[in-house]
Amino acid sequence: MGRSGQLLDRLLLEEAGLTRDAIYIANVVKCRPPANRDPKPEEITACRPYLEQQLDLLDPAVVLTLGNFSTRLLLQTTEGITRLRGASYPYRNGVLVPTLHPAAVLRAAPMPWP
């Protein structure tokens, strides 16, 4: 949605040659938390069976996680996204590729150039 969705669309096309109709987007929690706050652990736990069922049905070869919550949940780790991104990890019948969430990229301060 919004600028984050536009950035995701652009990156998918430029980096992977994919359009939105070639991918499936699933969320860790199935409804937006009030005031767009981070999901609470009990909300993630309550919604996890739905996400697992989606993954079972789709059986994707590649799962791209956007940000900490999905990465930590699916890799079952407490390690942060900044350490995990840039690599792929065995996951189910394929691989999981963690990356920053587009919203986090848009919020980040511009990097100074030398």
N, C-alpha and C. Protein backbone atom coordinates (compact mmCIF):
# COMPACT_ATOMS: atom_id res chain seq x y z
N MET A 1 0.84 -1.18 0.00
CA MET A 1 0.00 0.00 0.00
C MET A 1 0.88 1.24 0.00
N GLY A 2 0.42 2.27 -0.62
CA GLY A 2 1.09 3.56 -0.58
C GLY A 2 2.52 3.51 -1.12
N ARG A 3 3.35 4.37 -0.54
CA ARG A 3 4.74 4.47 -0.99
C ARG A 3 5.51 3.17 -0.79
N SER A 4 5.23 2.47 0.31
CA SER A 4 5.91 1.19 0.56
C SER A 4 5.59 0.17 -0.53
N GLY A 5 4.32 0.10 -0.89
CA GLY A 5 3.91 -0.82 -1.95
C GLY A 5 4.51 -0.45 -3.29
N GLN A 6 4.58 0.83 -3.57
CA GLN A 6 5.18 1.29 -4.82
C GLN A 6 6.67 0.93 -4.86
N LEU A 7 7.35 1.12 -3.72
CA LEU A 7 8.77 0.76 -3.66
C LEU A 7 8.94 -0.74 -3.83
N LEU A 8 8.11 -1.53 -3.17
CA LEU A 8 8.19 -2.98 -3.32
C LEU A 8 7.97 -3.39 -4.78
N ASP A 9 6.96 -2.83 -5.42
CA ASP A 9 6.70 -3.13 -6.83
C ASP A 9 7.93 -2.82 -7.68
N ARG A 10 8.51 -1.66 -7.47
CA ARG A 10 9.67 -1.23 -8.27
C ARG A 10 10.86 -2.16 -8.05
N LEU A 11 11.12 -2.51 -6.78
CA LEU A 11 12.26 -3.38 -6.48
C LEU A 11 12.05 -4.79 -7.04
N LEU A 12 10.85 -5.31 -6.91
CA LEU A 12 10.56 -6.64 -7.46
C LEU A 12 10.81 -6.67 -8.97
N LEU A 13 10.37 -5.62 -9.64
CA LEU A 13 10.54 -5.55 -11.09
C LEU A 13 12.01 -5.36 -11.47
N GLU A 14 12.68 -4.40 -10.83
CA GLU A 14 14.06 -4.09 -11.19
C GLU A 14 15.05 -5.19 -10.78
N GLU A 15 14.84 -5.79 -9.62
CA GLU A 15 15.81 -6.76 -9.10
C GLU A 15 15.50 -8.20 -9.49
N ALA A 16 14.21 -8.52 -9.65
CA ALA A 16 13.86 -9.91 -9.92
C ALA A 16 13.05 -10.09 -11.21
N GLY A 17 12.69 -9.00 -11.85
CA GLY A 17 11.90 -9.11 -13.07
C GLY A 17 10.49 -9.59 -12.83
N LEU A 18 9.96 -9.37 -11.63
CA LEU A 18 8.63 -9.85 -11.26
C LEU A 18 7.65 -8.70 -11.11
N THR A 19 6.41 -8.95 -11.53
CA THR A 19 5.34 -8.00 -11.28
C THR A 19 4.47 -8.54 -10.15
N ARG A 20 3.64 -7.70 -9.60
CA ARG A 20 2.83 -8.06 -8.44
C ARG A 20 1.94 -9.26 -8.72
N ASP A 21 1.50 -9.45 -9.97
CA ASP A 21 0.63 -10.58 -10.28
C ASP A 21 1.38 -11.92 -10.29
N ALA A 22 2.70 -11.88 -10.21
CA ALA A 22 3.51 -13.11 -10.20
C ALA A 22 3.89 -13.55 -8.79
N ILE A 23 3.47 -12.78 -7.79
CA ILE A 23 3.84 -13.10 -6.41
C ILE A 23 2.59 -13.20 -5.55
N TYR A 24 2.77 -13.74 -4.35
CA TYR A 24 1.69 -13.81 -3.37
C TYR A 24 2.19 -13.11 -2.12
N ILE A 25 1.41 -12.20 -1.59
CA ILE A 25 1.78 -11.48 -0.38
C ILE A 25 0.93 -12.00 0.77
N ALA A 26 1.60 -12.39 1.85
CA ALA A 26 0.92 -12.83 3.06
C ALA A 26 1.49 -12.02 4.22
N ASN A 27 0.68 -11.79 5.21
CA ASN A 27 1.11 -11.03 6.38
C ASN A 27 1.18 -11.93 7.60
N VAL A 28 2.06 -11.58 8.52
CA VAL A 28 2.19 -12.33 9.78
C VAL A 28 0.89 -12.24 10.57
N VAL A 29 0.36 -11.04 10.71
CA VAL A 29 -0.94 -10.88 11.36
C VAL A 29 -1.97 -10.54 10.28
N LYS A 30 -3.17 -10.97 10.48
CA LYS A 30 -4.18 -10.89 9.42
C LYS A 30 -5.04 -9.63 9.51
N CYS A 31 -4.78 -8.77 10.47
CA CYS A 31 -5.44 -7.47 10.52
C CYS A 31 -4.43 -6.47 11.04
N ARG A 32 -4.57 -5.24 10.63
CA ARG A 32 -3.62 -4.20 11.00
C ARG A 32 -3.81 -3.83 12.47
N PRO A 33 -2.74 -3.88 13.26
CA PRO A 33 -2.87 -3.47 14.67
C PRO A 33 -3.26 -1.99 14.77
N PRO A 34 -3.99 -1.64 15.83
CA PRO A 34 -4.42 -0.24 15.99
C PRO A 34 -3.23 0.73 15.91
N ALA A 35 -3.47 1.86 15.28
CA ALA A 35 -2.47 2.93 15.11
C ALA A 35 -1.22 2.43 14.40
N ASN A 36 -1.36 1.33 13.64
CA ASN A 36 -0.25 0.76 12.88
C ASN A 36 0.95 0.40 13.75
N ARG A 37 0.69 0.04 15.01
CA ARG A 37 1.77 -0.35 15.92
C ARG A 37 2.29 -1.72 15.53
N ASP A 38 3.44 -2.09 16.09
CA ASP A 38 3.99 -3.42 15.87
C ASP A 38 3.05 -4.46 16.46
N PRO A 39 2.94 -5.62 15.82
CA PRO A 39 2.07 -6.66 16.37
C PRO A 39 2.63 -7.20 17.69
N LYS A 40 1.73 -7.50 18.60
CA LYS A 40 2.11 -8.07 19.89
C LYS A 40 2.34 -9.56 19.72
N PRO A 41 3.18 -10.15 20.59
CA PRO A 41 3.45 -11.59 20.49
C PRO A 41 2.19 -12.46 20.46
N GLU A 42 1.19 -12.11 21.24
CA GLU A 42 -0.03 -12.92 21.26
C GLU A 42 -0.82 -12.78 19.95
N GLU A 43 -0.70 -11.65 19.27
CA GLU A 43 -1.35 -11.48 17.97
C GLU A 43 -0.65 -12.33 16.91
N ILE A 44 0.66 -12.35 16.98
CA ILE A 44 1.44 -13.18 16.05
C ILE A 44 1.11 -14.65 16.28
N THR A 45 1.06 -15.05 17.53
CA THR A 45 0.74 -16.45 17.86
C THR A 45 -0.66 -16.83 17.38
N ALA A 46 -1.62 -15.92 17.56
CA ALA A 46 -2.99 -16.21 17.15
C ALA A 46 -3.12 -16.34 15.64
N CYS A 47 -2.33 -15.59 14.89
CA CYS A 47 -2.44 -15.59 13.43
C CYS A 47 -1.52 -16.60 12.75
N ARG A 48 -0.56 -17.13 13.47
CA ARG A 48 0.43 -18.02 12.85
C ARG A 48 -0.18 -19.21 12.12
N PRO A 49 -1.19 -19.89 12.67
CA PRO A 49 -1.76 -21.03 11.94
C PRO A 49 -2.27 -20.66 10.55
N TYR A 50 -2.81 -19.46 10.39
CA TYR A 50 -3.30 -19.03 9.08
C TYR A 50 -2.15 -18.84 8.11
N LEU A 51 -1.06 -18.24 8.58
CA LEU A 51 0.12 -18.06 7.73
C LEU A 51 0.70 -19.42 7.35
N GLU A 52 0.81 -20.32 8.31
CA GLU A 52 1.35 -21.65 8.04
C GLU A 52 0.49 -22.38 7.00
N GLN A 53 -0.83 -22.23 7.11
CA GLN A 53 -1.71 -22.89 6.14
C GLN A 53 -1.53 -22.28 4.74
N GLN A 54 -1.37 -20.98 4.66
CA GLN A 54 -1.11 -20.35 3.37
C GLN A 54 0.18 -20.91 2.76
N LEU A 55 1.22 -21.02 3.57
CA LEU A 55 2.49 -21.55 3.08
C LEU A 55 2.36 -23.01 2.67
N ASP A 56 1.59 -23.78 3.44
CA ASP A 56 1.35 -25.18 3.08
C ASP A 56 0.67 -25.28 1.71
N LEU A 57 -0.34 -24.47 1.49
CA LEU A 57 -1.09 -24.52 0.24
C LEU A 57 -0.27 -24.04 -0.96
N LEU A 58 0.51 -23.01 -0.76
CA LEU A 58 1.28 -22.42 -1.86
C LEU A 58 2.58 -23.17 -2.15
N ASP A 59 3.20 -23.72 -1.11
CA ASP A 59 4.47 -24.43 -1.22
C ASP A 59 5.47 -23.65 -2.09
N PRO A 60 5.79 -22.41 -1.68
CA PRO A 60 6.66 -21.57 -2.53
C PRO A 60 8.10 -22.06 -2.53
N ALA A 61 8.77 -21.85 -3.64
CA ALA A 61 10.20 -22.16 -3.74
C ALA A 61 11.03 -21.08 -3.06
N VAL A 62 10.52 -19.85 -3.07
CA VAL A 62 11.21 -18.73 -2.45
C VAL A 62 10.21 -17.97 -1.58
N VAL A 63 10.62 -17.71 -0.35
CA VAL A 63 9.85 -16.85 0.55
C VAL A 63 10.72 -15.64 0.85
N LEU A 64 10.22 -14.47 0.52
CA LEU A 64 10.91 -13.21 0.80
C LEU A 64 10.25 -12.60 2.01
N THR A 65 10.99 -12.47 3.09
CA THR A 65 10.43 -11.85 4.28
C THR A 65 10.82 -10.39 4.30
N LEU A 66 9.88 -9.56 4.69
CA LEU A 66 10.11 -8.12 4.73
C LEU A 66 10.12 -7.66 6.19
N GLY A 67 11.30 -7.47 6.74
CA GLY A 67 11.42 -6.95 8.09
C GLY A 67 11.59 -8.01 9.16
N ASN A 68 11.66 -7.51 10.40
CA ASN A 68 11.96 -8.36 11.55
C ASN A 68 10.89 -9.38 11.88
N PHE A 69 9.63 -8.97 11.90
CA PHE A 69 8.60 -9.87 12.41
C PHE A 69 8.47 -11.15 11.59
N SER A 70 8.36 -11.03 10.30
CA SER A 70 8.23 -12.23 9.47
C SER A 70 9.52 -13.03 9.45
N THR A 71 10.65 -12.36 9.43
CA THR A 71 11.93 -13.07 9.40
C THR A 71 12.14 -13.86 10.67
N ARG A 72 11.95 -13.22 11.80
CA ARG A 72 12.14 -13.90 13.09
C ARG A 72 11.16 -15.05 13.27
N LEU A 73 9.92 -14.84 12.86
CA LEU A 73 8.90 -15.88 13.01
C LEU A 73 9.24 -17.11 12.16
N LEU A 74 9.51 -16.90 10.89
CA LEU A 74 9.70 -18.04 10.00
C LEU A 74 11.06 -18.72 10.17
N LEU A 75 12.08 -17.97 10.55
CA LEU A 75 13.39 -18.59 10.81
C LEU A 75 13.53 -19.05 12.26
N GLN A 76 12.53 -18.75 13.07
CA GLN A 76 12.53 -19.11 14.48
C GLN A 76 13.82 -18.67 15.15
N THR A 77 14.06 -17.36 15.09
CA THR A 77 15.27 -16.78 15.64
C THR A 77 14.95 -15.46 16.32
N THR A 78 15.86 -15.00 17.14
CA THR A 78 15.74 -13.67 17.73
C THR A 78 16.71 -12.70 17.05
N GLU A 79 17.49 -13.23 16.12
CA GLU A 79 18.45 -12.41 15.37
C GLU A 79 17.69 -11.35 14.57
N GLY A 80 18.25 -10.17 14.46
CA GLY A 80 17.61 -9.07 13.77
C GLY A 80 17.81 -9.11 12.26
N ILE A 81 16.97 -8.38 11.57
CA ILE A 81 17.00 -8.35 10.11
C ILE A 81 18.31 -7.80 9.57
N THR A 82 18.92 -6.85 10.27
CA THR A 82 20.15 -6.27 9.74
C THR A 82 21.29 -7.28 9.68
N ARG A 83 21.26 -8.27 10.54
CA ARG A 83 22.28 -9.33 10.49
C ARG A 83 21.91 -10.45 9.52
N LEU A 84 20.63 -10.69 9.33
CA LEU A 84 20.18 -11.82 8.52
C LEU A 84 20.04 -11.50 7.04
N ARG A 85 19.79 -10.24 6.71
CA ARG A 85 19.55 -9.89 5.31
C ARG A 85 20.83 -10.08 4.49
N GLY A 86 20.64 -10.27 3.20
CA GLY A 86 21.78 -10.45 2.31
C GLY A 86 22.19 -11.90 2.14
N ALA A 87 21.44 -12.81 2.75
CA ALA A 87 21.74 -14.25 2.62
C ALA A 87 20.42 -14.98 2.40
N SER A 88 20.51 -16.23 1.98
CA SER A 88 19.31 -17.06 1.88
C SER A 88 19.47 -18.22 2.83
N TYR A 89 18.35 -18.73 3.30
CA TYR A 89 18.34 -19.78 4.31
C TYR A 89 17.42 -20.91 3.85
N PRO A 90 17.81 -22.15 4.08
CA PRO A 90 16.90 -23.25 3.73
C PRO A 90 15.58 -23.07 4.48
N TYR A 91 14.48 -23.26 3.75
CA TYR A 91 13.17 -23.11 4.36
C TYR A 91 12.17 -24.00 3.64
N ARG A 92 11.56 -24.89 4.37
CA ARG A 92 10.61 -25.86 3.81
C ARG A 92 11.21 -26.53 2.58
N ASN A 93 10.58 -26.38 1.41
CA ASN A 93 11.08 -27.01 0.18
C ASN A 93 11.85 -26.04 -0.70
N GLY A 94 12.29 -24.94 -0.12
CA GLY A 94 12.98 -23.92 -0.91
C GLY A 94 13.92 -23.10 -0.04
N VAL A 95 13.88 -21.80 -0.26
CA VAL A 95 14.74 -20.90 0.51
C VAL A 95 13.93 -19.72 1.02
N LEU A 96 14.44 -19.12 2.08
CA LEU A 96 13.88 -17.91 2.65
C LEU A 96 14.93 -16.82 2.50
N VAL A 97 14.51 -15.66 2.00
CA VAL A 97 15.42 -14.54 1.78
C VAL A 97 14.90 -13.35 2.59
N PRO A 98 15.58 -13.02 3.68
CA PRO A 98 15.15 -11.87 4.48
C PRO A 98 15.65 -10.56 3.89
N THR A 99 14.82 -9.55 3.95
CA THR A 99 15.22 -8.21 3.51
C THR A 99 14.49 -7.18 4.36
N LEU A 100 14.93 -5.95 4.23
CA LEU A 100 14.28 -4.87 4.97
C LEU A 100 12.88 -4.63 4.43
N HIS A 101 12.00 -4.20 5.31
CA HIS A 101 10.66 -3.84 4.89
C HIS A 101 10.74 -2.51 4.14
N PRO A 102 10.02 -2.36 3.03
CA PRO A 102 10.08 -1.10 2.29
C PRO A 102 9.75 0.13 3.15
N ALA A 103 8.83 -0.01 4.09
CA ALA A 103 8.49 1.13 4.96
C ALA A 103 9.69 1.55 5.79
N ALA A 104 10.48 0.60 6.25
CA ALA A 104 11.68 0.93 7.03
C ALA A 104 12.70 1.64 6.16
N VAL A 105 12.81 1.21 4.93
CA VAL A 105 13.74 1.85 4.00
C VAL A 105 13.31 3.30 3.77
N LEU A 106 12.03 3.52 3.60
CA LEU A 106 11.53 4.87 3.36
C LEU A 106 11.68 5.78 4.58
N ARG A 107 11.63 5.19 5.79
CA ARG A 107 11.77 5.98 7.02
C ARG A 107 13.23 6.30 7.33
N ALA A 108 14.13 5.49 6.81
CA ALA A 108 15.55 5.64 7.13
C ALA A 108 16.09 6.98 6.63
N ALA A 109 17.02 7.50 7.38
CA ALA A 109 17.68 8.74 6.97
C ALA A 109 18.54 8.46 5.76
N PRO A 110 18.68 9.42 4.86
CA PRO A 110 19.53 9.21 3.69
C PRO A 110 20.98 8.91 4.11
N MET A 111 21.57 8.02 3.40
CA MET A 111 22.96 7.65 3.68
C MET A 111 23.89 8.75 3.16
N PRO A 112 24.85 9.17 3.97
CA PRO A 112 25.80 10.18 3.48
C PRO A 112 26.73 9.56 2.44
N TRP A 113 27.00 10.28 1.41
CA TRP A 113 27.91 9.81 0.36
C TRP A 113 29.27 10.42 0.56
N PRO A 114 30.33 9.63 0.39
CA PRO A 114 31.68 10.16 0.57
C PRO A 114 32.02 11.22 -0.45
